C-alpha cells in the first residue's frame, strides 16, 4: 500500500499550477474575451476542487479538468444566449513597422473573419477543434473531456474544420 505524503489540498494546488495556463488559453479561445475566460477558469477550479476528493486515482487529470472547463464554458455560453464578437487582441501581433498600414488592416480584417467563423461553430465542435489544434490533445483525451467517443471527437474536429473552410471560402468570394 502506497501512502501519499502530500495532502489532497497540496495535490490539488499542484494540479492547478500545472494546468492553469493551458486551460486559460483554451477558455480564451472559447470566449474570445480574457475576463470571461478568467471567470470561467475560476469557476472550473472551484467545481474541480469540490469534486476532487471523489476523483479516482487513475483518472486522466488533464482530460477531467478540460471536461469541467468545457461544461462550465458551455453553461456560460448558453446562459449568455449569444456569442460576443469583440476586437481581437492579436492586433499587436499583426502590426509591425515593416508592414504597410493597408496590409495591417487587411490582416486584421482576415483575423476578425476567422475569429467570427470559429465563434459561430457549435460549442462542441469549437471545443473539440480548440483542444485538438491548440491544446494538442489526443482524440482520446478530447473524448474524455467532452464525454463522447473518440470517433465523435474526431468527427467534431473534422466537421468544425469543414465548416470553417466553407465559411471562410464564402467570405473571400463575396
Protein backbone atom coordinates (compact mmCIF):
# COMPACT_ATOMS: atom_id res chain seq x y z
CA UNK A 1 0.00 0.00 0.00
CA UNK A 2 1.35 3.40 -1.02
CA UNK A 3 0.70 6.29 1.34
CA UNK A 4 0.84 9.76 -0.10
CA UNK A 5 2.86 12.22 1.94
CA UNK A 6 1.03 15.10 0.30
CA UNK A 7 -2.33 16.29 1.46
CA UNK A 8 -5.21 16.44 -1.04
CA UNK A 9 -5.06 20.24 -0.83
CA UNK A 10 -1.40 20.32 -1.89
CA UNK A 11 -2.08 17.78 -4.66
CA UNK A 12 -4.89 19.98 -5.96
CA UNK A 13 -2.71 23.09 -5.82
CA UNK A 14 -0.10 21.31 -7.92
CA UNK A 15 -2.80 20.31 -10.39
CA UNK A 16 -3.96 23.93 -10.65
CA UNK A 17 -0.38 25.17 -11.14
CA UNK A 18 0.27 22.57 -13.83
CA UNK A 19 -2.85 23.21 -15.94
CA UNK A 20 -3.89 26.83 -15.32
CA UNK A 21 -2.13 28.39 -18.29
CA UNK A 22 -3.30 25.88 -20.88
CA UNK A 23 -6.88 25.89 -19.55
CA UNK A 24 -6.94 29.69 -19.64
CA UNK A 25 -5.70 29.63 -23.26
CA UNK A 26 -8.41 27.12 -24.17
CA UNK A 27 -11.14 29.16 -22.46
CA UNK A 28 -9.87 32.39 -24.02
CA UNK A 29 -10.25 30.78 -27.43
CA UNK A 30 -13.74 29.58 -26.49
CA UNK A 31 -14.91 33.03 -25.36
CA UNK A 32 -12.63 35.43 -27.21
CA UNK A 33 -12.53 37.53 -24.06
CA UNK A 34 -9.95 37.48 -21.25
CA UNK A 35 -12.31 38.49 -18.44
CA UNK A 36 -14.88 35.82 -19.33
CA UNK A 37 -12.14 33.21 -19.72
CA UNK A 38 -10.74 34.12 -16.30
CA UNK A 39 -14.20 33.92 -14.68
CA UNK A 40 -14.80 30.55 -16.29
CA UNK A 41 -11.36 29.31 -15.19
CA UNK A 42 -12.07 30.27 -11.58
CA UNK A 43 -15.46 28.56 -11.78
CA UNK A 44 -13.78 25.49 -13.29
CA UNK A 45 -11.27 25.18 -10.48
CA UNK A 46 -13.95 25.76 -7.85
CA UNK A 47 -16.02 22.92 -9.30
CA UNK A 48 -12.93 20.74 -9.63
CA UNK A 49 -11.95 21.38 -6.02
CA UNK A 50 -15.39 20.34 -4.81
CA UNK A 51 -15.21 17.10 -6.81
CA UNK A 52 -11.51 16.37 -6.25
CA UNK A 53 -11.98 14.02 -3.30
CA UNK A 54 -14.27 11.79 -5.41
CA UNK A 55 -11.79 11.51 -8.29
CA UNK A 56 -10.28 8.09 -8.87
CA UNK A 57 -6.51 7.87 -8.58
CA UNK A 58 -6.03 6.52 -12.11
CA UNK A 59 -8.09 9.27 -13.76
CA UNK A 60 -6.64 11.41 -16.53
CA UNK A 61 -6.47 14.68 -14.61
CA UNK A 62 -5.94 16.82 -17.70
CA UNK A 63 -8.99 15.42 -19.51
CA UNK A 64 -11.02 15.69 -16.28
CA UNK A 65 -10.17 19.40 -15.96
CA UNK A 66 -10.98 20.02 -19.62
CA UNK A 67 -14.32 18.29 -19.14
CA UNK A 68 -15.16 20.59 -16.24
CA UNK A 69 -13.89 23.64 -18.15
CA UNK A 70 -15.89 22.70 -21.26
CA UNK A 71 -19.09 22.10 -19.29
CA UNK A 72 -18.62 25.38 -17.44
CA UNK A 73 -17.97 27.24 -20.70
CA UNK A 74 -20.98 25.64 -22.42
CA UNK A 75 -23.19 26.66 -19.50
CA UNK A 76 -21.95 30.25 -19.63
CA UNK A 77 -22.33 30.41 -23.42
CA UNK A 78 -25.89 29.07 -23.22
CA UNK A 79 -26.73 31.48 -20.39
CA UNK A 80 -25.37 34.33 -22.43
CA UNK A 81 -27.54 33.24 -25.33
CA UNK A 82 -25.28 34.78 -27.91
CA UNK A 83 -21.66 35.00 -28.86
CA UNK A 84 -19.73 38.21 -28.45
CA UNK A 85 -17.59 39.33 -31.32
CA UNK A 86 -15.00 41.61 -29.78
CA UNK A 87 -11.90 43.07 -31.36
CA UNK A 88 -9.03 40.64 -31.50
CA UNK A 89 -6.18 41.13 -29.09
CA UNK A 90 -3.97 39.89 -31.90
CA UNK A 91 -3.66 43.33 -33.50
CA UNK A 92 -0.29 43.87 -31.85
CA UNK A 93 0.97 40.65 -33.43
CA UNK A 94 -0.01 41.91 -36.87
CA UNK A 95 1.26 45.45 -36.57
CA UNK A 96 4.91 45.95 -37.17
CA UNK A 97 6.89 48.85 -38.55
CA UNK A 98 7.78 46.90 -41.71
CA UNK A 99 4.16 46.09 -42.60
CA UNK A 100 2.35 48.78 -44.59
CA UNK A 101 -0.83 50.08 -42.91
CA UNK A 102 -3.12 48.83 -45.68
CA UNK A 103 -1.72 45.30 -45.28
CA UNK A 104 -2.13 45.55 -41.48
CA UNK A 105 -5.80 46.41 -41.95
CA UNK A 106 -6.25 43.54 -44.39
CA UNK A 107 -4.59 41.09 -41.97
CA UNK A 108 -6.68 42.37 -39.07
CA UNK A 109 -9.89 42.01 -41.09
CA UNK A 110 -8.96 38.46 -42.06
CA UNK A 111 -8.26 37.57 -38.42
CA UNK A 112 -11.64 39.00 -37.47
CA UNK A 113 -13.28 36.83 -40.15
CA UNK A 114 -11.52 33.72 -38.83
CA UNK A 115 -12.42 34.58 -35.25
CA UNK A 116 -16.05 35.18 -36.18
CA UNK A 117 -16.22 31.87 -38.06
CA UNK A 118 -14.70 29.98 -35.13
CA UNK A 119 -17.04 31.65 -32.64
CA UNK A 120 -20.02 30.71 -34.83
CA UNK A 121 -19.21 26.99 -34.65
CA UNK A 122 -21.42 24.85 -32.41
CA UNK A 123 -19.95 24.70 -28.89
CA UNK A 124 -18.87 21.06 -29.07
CA UNK A 125 -17.16 21.46 -32.45
CA UNK A 126 -15.38 24.60 -31.30
CA UNK A 127 -14.24 22.91 -28.10
CA UNK A 128 -13.00 19.80 -29.90
CA UNK A 129 -11.20 21.89 -32.51
CA UNK A 130 -9.52 24.07 -29.87
CA UNK A 131 -8.45 21.05 -27.83
CA UNK A 132 -7.00 19.31 -30.88
CA UNK A 133 -5.34 22.17 -32.76
CA UNK A 134 -4.26 24.46 -29.94
CA UNK A 135 -4.05 22.32 -26.83
CA UNK A 136 -2.62 19.36 -28.81
CA UNK A 137 -4.85 16.86 -27.05
CA UNK A 138 -5.36 13.34 -28.37
CA UNK A 139 -8.80 12.27 -29.57
CA UNK A 140 -8.99 10.01 -26.52
CA UNK A 141 -8.41 12.98 -24.20
CA UNK A 142 -10.91 15.08 -26.13
CA UNK A 143 -13.47 12.28 -25.88
CA UNK A 144 -12.98 12.14 -22.11
CA UNK A 145 -13.26 15.91 -21.80
CA UNK A 146 -16.39 16.16 -23.95
CA UNK A 147 -17.96 12.94 -22.68
CA UNK A 148 -18.16 11.31 -26.10
CA UNK A 149 -16.39 8.60 -28.06
CA UNK A 150 -13.02 9.15 -29.70
CA UNK A 151 -14.77 8.78 -33.06
CA UNK A 152 -17.23 11.52 -32.12
CA UNK A 153 -14.35 13.75 -31.00
CA UNK A 154 -12.63 13.17 -34.36
CA UNK A 155 -15.90 13.90 -36.19
CA UNK A 156 -16.41 17.15 -34.24
CA UNK A 157 -12.91 18.32 -35.18
CA UNK A 158 -13.44 17.33 -38.82
CA UNK A 159 -16.87 18.97 -39.06
CA UNK A 160 -15.60 22.12 -37.37
CA UNK A 161 -12.71 22.41 -39.82
CA UNK A 162 -15.03 21.73 -42.75
CA UNK A 163 -17.43 24.47 -41.63
CA UNK A 164 -14.57 26.91 -41.12
CA UNK A 165 -13.17 26.24 -44.58
CA UNK A 166 -16.59 26.63 -46.18
CA UNK A 167 -17.43 29.80 -44.22
CA UNK A 168 -14.08 31.45 -44.92
CA UNK A 169 -14.21 30.50 -48.60
CA UNK A 170 -17.67 32.10 -48.86
CA UNK A 171 -16.43 35.29 -47.18
CA UNK A 172 -13.45 35.54 -49.53
CA UNK A 173 -15.65 35.09 -52.61
CA UNK A 174 -18.12 37.80 -51.52
